[in-house]
Amino acid sequence: MSDSEVFTAVEDGVLIVTINRPEAKNAMNQAAAQGIAAAMERLEAESDLRVAILTGAGGTFCSGMDLKGFLRGERPIVKGRGFGGLATWTPKKPVIAAVDGYALAGGMELALSCDLIVANAGAKFGIPEVKRGLAAGAGGLIKLPRQIPPRVAMELALTGNFIDAARAYELGFINRIVDGPAVEGAKELARQIADNGPLAVAASKAVVRDSFSWTDEEMWDKQQGYIGGVFMSNDAREGATAFAEKRKPNWTGT
């Protein structure tokens, strides 16, 4: 399925969402943000979809906010979803960023908002908003210090300098580096996730995402609220049975 700004495709339970503005280095405008938000709603709604990959057409992930649109008063924000339809919300299912070329400013903030990142060896990352008299308000200033060492995040925020894929991997910001198109590496990672129990995957994502704010006193009780139902599910019984019978599980998501 496609429109002028975003197109989607499905492969083996993986929803591939492509920002389709290569002539503008996939700079984010309102239409593209709406397209991403709609794709994420589809990910949530369709039980056969297990994982999403967010990537960009034409060899670039996303160069940030469309500044021409900004000067016209346009903001690429979706109510309840934030910048690019993803910055202030996350679906229950995992989302992988597949980064080729540049992930800059809002583009890096979109990558920050995904659960995992696969990057081509030539990819570049940065939050250069200060170079334009702006601030990385779509998550760069608050999410980045939680994902890499805070002093490194501070340097990137104040200088606007870029880092390459090798440095991003060294900092633990990205999961994998590939020599070819990032989407191919992301598909491999997505297939590994899609093979697992969907309830267990969703609960595990939620705990990892949310637990950073839990105190030592409350973390075990809070975790139980997320994962308790997993152990009582049909999928839990199916996983154990399939293991005993030496076969692949048939997940139902129940």
Protein backbone atom coordinates (compact mmCIF):
# COMPACT_ATOMS: atom_id res chain seq x y z
CA MET A 1 0.00 0.00 0.00
CA SER A 2 1.34 3.48 -0.79
CA ASP A 3 0.60 7.15 -0.86
CA SER A 4 2.81 9.99 -2.00
CA GLU A 5 4.77 10.25 1.25
CA VAL A 6 4.85 6.79 2.88
CA PHE A 7 4.41 3.31 1.48
CA THR A 8 4.07 -0.01 3.25
CA ALA A 9 4.67 -3.64 2.42
CA VAL A 10 4.27 -6.89 4.35
CA GLU A 11 6.75 -9.77 4.32
CA ASP A 12 6.24 -12.80 6.57
CA GLY A 13 4.49 -10.88 9.33
CA VAL A 14 6.85 -7.90 9.10
CA LEU A 15 5.38 -4.50 8.19
CA ILE A 16 7.92 -2.45 6.24
CA VAL A 17 7.19 1.28 6.41
CA THR A 18 9.17 3.48 4.02
CA ILE A 19 9.35 7.26 4.13
CA ASN A 20 9.03 8.14 0.46
CA ARG A 21 10.40 11.66 -0.03
CA PRO A 22 13.82 10.92 -1.53
CA GLU A 23 13.93 14.23 -3.39
CA ALA A 24 13.88 15.95 0.03
CA LYS A 25 16.17 13.43 1.76
CA ASN A 26 12.99 12.12 3.42
CA ALA A 27 12.57 15.33 5.43
CA MET A 28 9.51 14.94 7.61
CA ASN A 29 6.35 16.82 6.72
CA GLN A 30 2.80 16.51 8.00
CA ALA A 31 1.72 14.01 5.35
CA ALA A 32 4.66 11.69 6.07
CA ALA A 33 4.01 11.93 9.80
CA GLN A 34 0.37 10.98 9.25
CA GLY A 35 1.48 8.08 7.07
CA ILE A 36 3.79 6.69 9.74
CA ALA A 37 1.09 7.06 12.39
CA ALA A 38 -1.39 5.19 10.20
CA ALA A 39 1.13 2.40 9.60
CA MET A 40 1.72 2.01 13.33
CA GLU A 41 -2.02 1.82 13.92
CA ARG A 42 -2.15 -0.96 11.32
CA LEU A 43 0.67 -2.75 13.15
CA GLU A 44 -1.39 -2.66 16.33
CA ALA A 45 -4.64 -3.70 14.69
CA GLU A 46 -3.57 -6.68 12.56
CA SER A 47 -2.71 -9.78 14.57
CA ASP A 48 -0.70 -11.30 11.73
CA LEU A 49 1.77 -8.40 11.91
CA ARG A 50 4.47 -9.03 14.51
CA VAL A 51 7.15 -6.39 13.90
CA ALA A 52 7.55 -3.15 11.93
CA ILE A 53 10.60 -1.77 10.15
CA LEU A 54 10.83 1.98 9.57
CA THR A 55 13.18 3.03 6.77
CA GLY A 56 13.64 5.67 4.09
CA ALA A 57 13.68 5.61 0.30
CA GLY A 58 16.62 6.66 -1.83
CA GLY A 59 19.46 5.80 0.51
CA THR A 60 18.58 8.20 3.34
CA PHE A 61 16.63 7.45 6.51
CA CYS A 62 15.39 10.94 7.38
CA SER A 63 17.15 14.29 7.32
CA GLY A 64 14.85 15.82 9.94
CA MET A 65 11.98 18.24 9.81
CA ASP A 66 11.11 19.74 6.45
CA LEU A 67 12.39 23.28 7.06
CA LYS A 68 10.53 24.68 4.07
CA GLY A 69 7.33 23.40 5.61
CA PHE A 70 8.41 24.82 8.96
CA LEU A 71 8.75 28.28 7.42
CA ARG A 72 5.20 27.90 6.07
CA GLY A 73 3.98 27.15 9.59
CA GLU A 74 3.65 23.39 9.10
CA ARG A 75 4.58 21.06 11.95
CA PRO A 76 5.10 17.33 11.21
CA ILE A 77 3.36 16.30 14.41
CA VAL A 78 0.43 13.95 14.91
CA LYS A 79 -1.75 14.51 17.97
CA GLY A 80 -1.04 11.87 20.58
CA ARG A 81 1.88 10.51 18.53
CA GLY A 82 4.32 13.41 18.36
CA PHE A 83 6.91 14.20 15.71
CA GLY A 84 6.79 11.88 12.73
CA GLY A 85 3.80 10.06 14.21
CA LEU A 86 6.03 8.13 16.59
CA ALA A 87 8.14 10.32 18.91
CA THR A 88 5.82 10.45 21.93
CA TRP A 89 4.13 7.06 21.59
CA THR A 90 5.13 3.50 20.86
CA PRO A 91 3.05 0.56 19.64
CA LYS A 92 2.96 -2.61 21.73
CA LYS A 93 4.83 -4.49 19.02
CA PRO A 94 8.52 -3.86 18.25
CA VAL A 95 9.67 -1.29 15.71
CA ILE A 96 13.10 -1.48 14.09
CA ALA A 97 14.75 1.53 12.44
CA ALA A 98 16.69 0.61 9.29
CA VAL A 99 19.08 3.51 8.74
CA ASP A 100 20.92 4.24 5.50
CA GLY A 101 22.63 7.54 4.88
CA TYR A 102 21.60 10.25 7.31
CA ALA A 103 19.44 10.11 10.43
CA LEU A 104 19.66 13.71 11.52
CA ALA A 105 17.68 15.99 13.81
CA GLY A 106 14.12 14.71 13.73
CA GLY A 107 15.39 11.73 11.75
CA MET A 108 17.64 10.71 14.60
CA GLU A 109 14.77 11.32 16.98
CA LEU A 110 12.62 8.92 14.95
CA ALA A 111 15.40 6.33 15.24
CA LEU A 112 15.56 7.03 18.99
CA SER A 113 11.84 6.29 19.19
CA CYS A 114 12.24 2.84 17.64
CA ASP A 115 13.08 -0.16 19.80
CA LEU A 116 16.05 -1.39 17.77
CA ILE A 117 18.31 0.13 15.12
CA VAL A 118 20.13 -1.52 12.22
CA ALA A 119 22.40 0.77 10.23
CA ASN A 120 24.43 0.65 7.06
CA ALA A 121 28.16 1.10 7.68
CA GLY A 122 28.04 4.50 6.01
CA ALA A 123 25.20 5.90 8.12
CA LYS A 124 25.55 9.15 10.03
CA PHE A 125 23.61 10.26 13.12
CA GLY A 126 23.24 13.64 14.81
CA ILE A 127 21.01 16.24 16.41
CA PRO A 128 22.30 19.41 14.70
CA GLU A 129 19.31 21.60 15.60
CA VAL A 130 21.51 24.11 17.47
CA LYS A 131 23.26 24.90 14.18
CA ARG A 132 19.91 26.26 12.96
CA GLY A 133 19.00 28.06 16.17
CA LEU A 134 16.62 25.26 17.16
CA ALA A 135 16.54 22.56 19.84
CA ALA A 136 16.07 18.78 19.49
CA GLY A 137 12.61 18.87 21.03
CA ALA A 138 11.28 15.61 19.56
CA GLY A 139 13.19 13.46 22.02
CA GLY A 140 16.84 14.12 21.26
CA LEU A 141 17.46 16.03 24.48
CA ILE A 142 15.59 13.63 26.78
CA LYS A 143 15.82 10.21 25.15
CA LEU A 144 19.42 10.31 23.95
CA PRO A 145 20.96 10.67 27.46
CA ARG A 146 19.02 7.53 28.45
CA GLN A 147 20.42 5.54 25.54
CA ILE A 148 24.07 6.62 25.45
CA PRO A 149 26.41 8.11 28.11
CA PRO A 150 24.96 11.48 29.19
CA ARG A 151 28.17 13.43 28.59
CA VAL A 152 28.34 12.16 25.02
CA ALA A 153 24.68 13.09 24.56
CA MET A 154 25.47 16.55 25.94
CA GLU A 155 28.28 17.00 23.44
CA LEU A 156 26.09 15.99 20.52
CA ALA A 157 23.30 18.31 21.70
CA LEU A 158 25.57 21.33 22.19
CA THR A 159 27.85 20.97 19.16
CA GLY A 160 25.42 19.52 16.66
CA ASN A 161 28.19 17.25 15.41
CA PHE A 162 27.53 13.90 13.72
CA ILE A 163 28.70 10.42 14.64
CA ASP A 164 29.18 7.53 12.24
CA ALA A 165 27.73 4.04 12.51
CA ALA A 166 30.87 2.60 14.08
CA ARG A 167 30.82 5.18 16.88
CA ALA A 168 27.05 4.72 17.35
CA TYR A 169 27.56 0.96 17.71
CA GLU A 170 30.43 1.51 20.15
CA LEU A 171 28.13 3.67 22.29
CA GLY A 172 25.40 1.02 22.22
CA PHE A 173 23.06 3.27 20.27
CA ILE A 174 22.57 0.85 17.38
CA ASN A 175 22.20 -2.93 17.42
CA ARG A 176 23.80 -4.02 14.17
CA ILE A 177 25.90 -2.62 11.32
CA VAL A 178 25.53 -4.08 7.82
CA ASP A 179 27.45 -3.45 4.64
CA GLY A 180 24.42 -3.57 2.36
CA PRO A 181 21.01 -1.92 2.63
CA ALA A 182 20.02 -1.54 6.27
CA VAL A 183 16.53 -2.88 5.58
CA GLU A 184 17.97 -6.30 4.74
CA GLY A 185 19.71 -6.50 8.10
CA ALA A 186 16.55 -5.25 9.78
CA LYS A 187 14.50 -7.97 8.07
CA GLU A 188 16.82 -10.63 9.48
CA LEU A 189 16.44 -9.21 12.97
CA ALA A 190 12.67 -8.85 12.52
CA ARG A 191 12.31 -12.48 11.49
CA GLN A 192 14.08 -13.58 14.65
CA ILE A 193 11.60 -11.56 16.71
CA ALA A 194 8.56 -12.66 14.70
CA ASP A 195 9.39 -16.31 15.38
CA ASN A 196 8.75 -15.77 19.10
CA GLY A 197 5.54 -15.69 21.11
CA PRO A 198 3.77 -12.39 20.37
CA LEU A 199 2.40 -11.91 23.90
CA ALA A 200 5.83 -12.55 25.38
CA VAL A 201 7.47 -10.16 22.92
CA ALA A 202 5.00 -7.37 23.67
CA ALA A 203 5.31 -7.81 27.44
CA SER A 204 9.09 -7.94 27.25
CA LYS A 205 9.21 -4.76 25.18
CA ALA A 206 6.93 -2.99 27.64
CA VAL A 207 9.02 -3.93 30.68
CA VAL A 208 12.31 -2.90 29.05
CA ARG A 209 10.78 0.36 27.85
CA ASP A 210 9.04 1.34 31.09
CA SER A 211 11.20 -0.06 33.88
CA PHE A 212 13.84 2.67 33.78
CA SER A 213 11.54 4.80 35.93
CA TRP A 214 10.68 2.07 38.47
CA THR A 215 12.18 2.15 41.94
CA ASP A 216 13.89 -0.88 43.46
CA GLU A 217 10.98 -1.23 45.87
CA GLU A 218 8.29 -1.40 43.19
CA MET A 219 9.99 -3.00 40.20
CA TRP A 220 9.09 -6.63 40.92
CA ASP A 221 5.42 -5.90 41.52
CA LYS A 222 5.24 -3.68 38.46
CA GLN A 223 6.94 -6.28 36.29
CA GLN A 224 4.42 -8.88 37.43
CA GLY A 225 1.61 -6.67 36.21
CA TYR A 226 3.14 -6.78 32.73
CA ILE A 227 4.18 -10.42 32.46
CA GLY A 228 1.78 -12.29 34.77
CA GLY A 229 -0.73 -12.96 32.03
CA VAL A 230 1.96 -14.30 29.72
CA PHE A 231 2.57 -17.30 31.95
CA MET A 232 -1.16 -18.10 31.99
CA SER A 233 -1.59 -17.83 28.22
CA ASN A 234 -2.28 -20.50 25.63
CA ASP A 235 0.95 -19.48 23.94
CA ALA A 236 2.93 -20.33 27.06
CA ARG A 237 1.50 -23.86 27.00
CA GLU A 238 2.10 -24.09 23.27
CA GLY A 239 5.72 -23.02 23.66
CA ALA A 240 6.38 -25.67 26.28
CA THR A 241 4.55 -28.33 24.27
CA ALA A 242 6.40 -27.48 21.06
CA PHE A 243 9.71 -27.68 22.87
CA ALA A 244 8.85 -31.12 24.26
CA GLU A 245 7.69 -32.29 20.83
CA LYS A 246 10.72 -30.78 19.06
CA ARG A 247 8.66 -28.70 16.64
CA LYS A 248 8.07 -25.05 15.82
CA PRO A 249 5.37 -23.41 17.98
CA ASN A 250 2.06 -22.37 16.47
CA TRP A 251 1.40 -19.06 18.19
CA THR A 252 -2.13 -17.72 18.48
CA GLY A 253 -1.47 -14.61 20.55
CA THR A 254 -3.84 -15.83 23.26
